[in-house]
Amino acid sequence: MTFGFDFEYEEPDITDYFLMGAAGALLVTLFQFAASRLEGGPDL
């Protein structure tokens, strides 16, 4: 997966979108978990 640092532009594959989506969902889940822990809320 390239982020535009090389001069040859590659069309993003569906796997690139899937990996970015999975990483984003994981980050959101971790952020919500940390926020709920800081607020003393219930665990996920």
PDB file of N, CA and C in Angstrom:
ATOM      1  N   MET A   1       0.844  -1.198   0.000  1.00  0.00           N
ATOM      2  CA  MET A   1       0.000   0.000   0.000  1.00  0.00           C
ATOM      3  C   MET A   1       0.878   1.246   0.000  1.00  0.00           C
ATOM      4  N   THR A   2       0.653   2.104  -0.970  1.00  0.00           N
ATOM      5  CA  THR A   2       1.467   3.310  -1.067  1.00  0.00           C
ATOM      6  C   THR A   2       0.623   4.517  -0.712  1.00  0.00           C
ATOM      7  N   PHE A   3       1.257   5.541  -0.196  1.00  0.00           N
ATOM      8  CA  PHE A   3       0.542   6.748   0.205  1.00  0.00           C
ATOM      9  C   PHE A   3       0.983   7.946  -0.630  1.00  0.00           C
ATOM     10  N   GLY A   4       1.406   7.691  -1.873  1.00  0.00           N
ATOM     11  CA  GLY A   4       1.726   8.780  -2.787  1.00  0.00           C
ATOM     12  C   GLY A   4       3.143   9.288  -2.665  1.00  0.00           C
ATOM     13  N   PHE A   5       4.048   8.525  -2.081  1.00  0.00           N
ATOM     14  CA  PHE A   5       5.417   8.989  -1.948  1.00  0.00           C
ATOM     15  C   PHE A   5       6.247   8.658  -3.182  1.00  0.00           C
ATOM     16  N   ASP A   6       5.819   7.621  -3.939  1.00  0.00           N
ATOM     17  CA  ASP A   6       6.540   7.326  -5.165  1.00  0.00           C
ATOM     18  C   ASP A   6       5.805   7.969  -6.326  1.00  0.00           C
ATOM     19  N   PHE A   7       6.520   8.122  -7.463  1.00  0.00           N
ATOM     20  CA  PHE A   7       5.969   8.893  -8.569  1.00  0.00           C
ATOM     21  C   PHE A   7       4.990   8.079  -9.405  1.00  0.00           C
ATOM     22  N   GLU A   8       5.091   6.745  -9.325  1.00  0.00           N
ATOM     23  CA  GLU A   8       4.151   5.916 -10.070  1.00  0.00           C
ATOM     24  C   GLU A   8       2.890   5.750  -9.238  1.00  0.00           C
ATOM     25  N   TYR A   9       1.786   6.310  -9.743  1.00  0.00           N
ATOM     26  CA  TYR A   9       0.530   6.206  -8.996  1.00  0.00           C
ATOM     27  C   TYR A   9      -0.118   4.865  -9.292  1.00  0.00           C
ATOM     28  N   GLU A  10      -0.454   4.146  -8.216  1.00  0.00           N
ATOM     29  CA  GLU A  10      -1.140   2.871  -8.379  1.00  0.00           C
ATOM     30  C   GLU A  10      -2.597   3.036  -7.980  1.00  0.00           C
ATOM     31  N   GLU A  11      -3.475   2.493  -8.784  1.00  0.00           N
ATOM     32  CA  GLU A  11      -4.898   2.530  -8.438  1.00  0.00           C
ATOM     33  C   GLU A  11      -5.113   1.671  -7.196  1.00  0.00           C
ATOM     34  N   PRO A  12      -5.771   2.212  -6.183  1.00  0.00           N
ATOM     35  CA  PRO A  12      -5.957   1.439  -4.945  1.00  0.00           C
ATOM     36  C   PRO A  12      -6.760   0.166  -5.191  1.00  0.00           C
ATOM     37  N   ASP A  13      -6.293  -0.926  -4.623  1.00  0.00           N
ATOM     38  CA  ASP A  13      -7.033  -2.184  -4.726  1.00  0.00           C
ATOM     39  C   ASP A  13      -8.162  -2.197  -3.709  1.00  0.00           C
ATOM     40  N   ILE A  14      -9.065  -3.152  -3.875  1.00  0.00           N
ATOM     41  CA  ILE A  14     -10.142  -3.302  -2.895  1.00  0.00           C
ATOM     42  C   ILE A  14      -9.560  -3.749  -1.555  1.00  0.00           C
ATOM     43  N   THR A  15      -8.419  -4.442  -1.595  1.00  0.00           N
ATOM     44  CA  THR A  15      -7.796  -4.877  -0.353  1.00  0.00           C
ATOM     45  C   THR A  15      -7.243  -3.682   0.416  1.00  0.00           C
ATOM     46  N   ASP A  16      -6.768  -2.656  -0.320  1.00  0.00           N
ATOM     47  CA  ASP A  16      -6.272  -1.456   0.353  1.00  0.00           C
ATOM     48  C   ASP A  16      -7.405  -0.764   1.097  1.00  0.00           C
ATOM     49  N   TYR A  17      -8.558  -0.637   0.426  1.00  0.00           N
ATOM     50  CA  TYR A  17      -9.708  -0.019   1.083  1.00  0.00           C
ATOM     51  C   TYR A  17     -10.160  -0.856   2.276  1.00  0.00           C
ATOM     52  N   PHE A  18     -10.118  -2.190   2.124  1.00  0.00           N
ATOM     53  CA  PHE A  18     -10.536  -3.073   3.214  1.00  0.00           C
ATOM     54  C   PHE A  18      -9.607  -2.926   4.410  1.00  0.00           C
ATOM     55  N   LEU A  19      -8.295  -2.880   4.142  1.00  0.00           N
ATOM     56  CA  LEU A  19      -7.332  -2.745   5.235  1.00  0.00           C
ATOM     57  C   LEU A  19      -7.472  -1.399   5.927  1.00  0.00           C
ATOM     58  N   MET A  20      -7.661  -0.336   5.145  1.00  0.00           N
ATOM     59  CA  MET A  20      -7.814   0.994   5.741  1.00  0.00           C
ATOM     60  C   MET A  20      -9.110   1.059   6.551  1.00  0.00           C
ATOM     61  N   GLY A  21     -10.167   0.432   6.041  1.00  0.00           N
ATOM     62  CA  GLY A  21     -11.432   0.415   6.768  1.00  0.00           C
ATOM     63  C   GLY A  21     -11.325  -0.380   8.062  1.00  0.00           C
ATOM     64  N   ALA A  22     -10.635  -1.527   7.991  1.00  0.00           N
ATOM     65  CA  ALA A  22     -10.478  -2.345   9.186  1.00  0.00           C
ATOM     66  C   ALA A  22      -9.623  -1.615  10.222  1.00  0.00           C
ATOM     67  N   ALA A  23      -8.552  -0.960   9.784  1.00  0.00           N
ATOM     68  CA  ALA A  23      -7.700  -0.216  10.709  1.00  0.00           C
ATOM     69  C   ALA A  23      -8.472   0.949  11.321  1.00  0.00           C
ATOM     70  N   GLY A  24      -9.276   1.630  10.519  1.00  0.00           N
ATOM     71  CA  GLY A  24     -10.072   2.745  11.037  1.00  0.00           C
ATOM     72  C   GLY A  24     -11.094   2.272  12.049  1.00  0.00           C
ATOM     73  N   ALA A  25     -11.751   1.152  11.762  1.00  0.00           N
ATOM     74  CA  ALA A  25     -12.745   0.622  12.691  1.00  0.00           C
ATOM     75  C   ALA A  25     -12.083   0.194  13.997  1.00  0.00           C
ATOM     76  N   LEU A  26     -10.887  -0.387  13.899  1.00  0.00           N
ATOM     77  CA  LEU A  26     -10.170  -0.802  15.105  1.00  0.00           C
ATOM     78  C   LEU A  26      -9.782   0.409  15.937  1.00  0.00           C
ATOM     79  N   LEU A  27      -9.319   1.461  15.293  1.00  0.00           N
ATOM     80  CA  LEU A  27      -8.946   2.678  16.023  1.00  0.00           C
ATOM     81  C   LEU A  27     -10.166   3.296  16.702  1.00  0.00           C
ATOM     82  N   VAL A  28     -11.296   3.340  16.001  1.00  0.00           N
ATOM     83  CA  VAL A  28     -12.516   3.902  16.593  1.00  0.00           C
ATOM     84  C   VAL A  28     -12.952   3.066  17.785  1.00  0.00           C
ATOM     85  N   THR A  29     -12.874   1.739  17.644  1.00  0.00           N
ATOM     86  CA  THR A  29     -13.272   0.855  18.744  1.00  0.00           C
ATOM     87  C   THR A  29     -12.374   1.063  19.957  1.00  0.00           C
ATOM     88  N   LEU A  30     -11.063   1.152  19.719  1.00  0.00           N
ATOM     89  CA  LEU A  30     -10.134   1.370  20.824  1.00  0.00           C
ATOM     90  C   LEU A  30     -10.373   2.727  21.474  1.00  0.00           C
ATOM     91  N   PHE A  31     -10.664   3.742  20.663  1.00  0.00           N
ATOM     92  CA  PHE A  31     -10.906   5.074  21.207  1.00  0.00           C
ATOM     93  C   PHE A  31     -12.170   5.084  22.062  1.00  0.00           C
ATOM     94  N   GLN A  32     -13.231   4.448  21.574  1.00  0.00           N
ATOM     95  CA  GLN A  32     -14.475   4.384  22.343  1.00  0.00           C
ATOM     96  C   GLN A  32     -14.271   3.597  23.618  1.00  0.00           C
ATOM     97  N   PHE A  33     -13.485   2.514  23.561  1.00  0.00           N
ATOM     98  CA  PHE A  33     -13.204   1.709  24.750  1.00  0.00           C
ATOM     99  C   PHE A  33     -12.434   2.532  25.779  1.00  0.00           C
ATOM    100  N   ALA A  34     -11.416   3.266  25.327  1.00  0.00           N
ATOM    101  CA  ALA A  34     -10.627   4.088  26.244  1.00  0.00           C
ATOM    102  C   ALA A  34     -11.493   5.191  26.840  1.00  0.00           C
ATOM    103  N   ALA A  35     -12.357   5.797  26.030  1.00  0.00           N
ATOM    104  CA  ALA A  35     -13.217   6.872  26.530  1.00  0.00           C
ATOM    105  C   ALA A  35     -14.189   6.338  27.575  1.00  0.00           C
ATOM    106  N   SER A  36     -14.746   5.164  27.336  1.00  0.00           N
ATOM    107  CA  SER A  36     -15.688   4.597  28.299  1.00  0.00           C
ATOM    108  C   SER A  36     -14.965   4.221  29.590  1.00  0.00           C
ATOM    109  N   ARG A  37     -13.715   3.769  29.474  1.00  0.00           N
ATOM    110  CA  ARG A  37     -12.938   3.433  30.671  1.00  0.00           C
ATOM    111  C   ARG A  37     -12.637   4.696  31.482  1.00  0.00           C
ATOM    112  N   LEU A  38     -12.295   5.784  30.792  1.00  0.00           N
ATOM    113  CA  LEU A  38     -11.968   7.025  31.491  1.00  0.00           C
ATOM    114  C   LEU A  38     -13.198   7.600  32.173  1.00  0.00           C
ATOM    115  N   GLU A  39     -14.372   7.408  31.574  1.00  0.00           N
ATOM    116  CA  GLU A  39     -15.589   7.944  32.162  1.00  0.00           C
ATOM    117  C   GLU A  39     -16.171   7.001  33.213  1.00  0.00           C
ATOM    118  N   GLY A  40     -15.537   5.849  33.401  1.00  0.00           N
ATOM    119  CA  GLY A  40     -16.036   4.891  34.383  1.00  0.00           C
ATOM    120  C   GLY A  40     -17.277   4.170  33.898  1.00  0.00           C
ATOM    121  N   GLY A  41     -17.484   4.150  32.586  1.00  0.00           N
ATOM    122  CA  GLY A  41     -18.652   3.489  32.028  1.00  0.00           C
ATOM    123  C   GLY A  41     -18.444   1.986  31.954  1.00  0.00           C
ATOM    124  N   PRO A  42     -19.432   1.293  31.422  1.00  0.00           N
ATOM    125  CA  PRO A  42     -19.335  -0.170  31.313  1.00  0.00           C
ATOM    126  C   PRO A  42     -18.289  -0.580  30.288  1.00  0.00           C
ATOM    127  N   ASP A  43     -17.696  -1.741  30.475  1.00  0.00           N
ATOM    128  CA  ASP A  43     -16.724  -2.249  29.512  1.00  0.00           C
ATOM    129  C   ASP A  43     -17.452  -2.725  28.270  1.00  0.00           C
ATOM    130  N   LEU A  44     -16.747  -2.733  27.151  1.00  0.00           N
ATOM    131  CA  LEU A  44     -17.349  -3.218  25.913  1.00  0.00           C
ATOM    132  C   LEU A  44     -17.421  -4.740  25.940  1.00  0.00           C
TER     133      LEU A  44
END
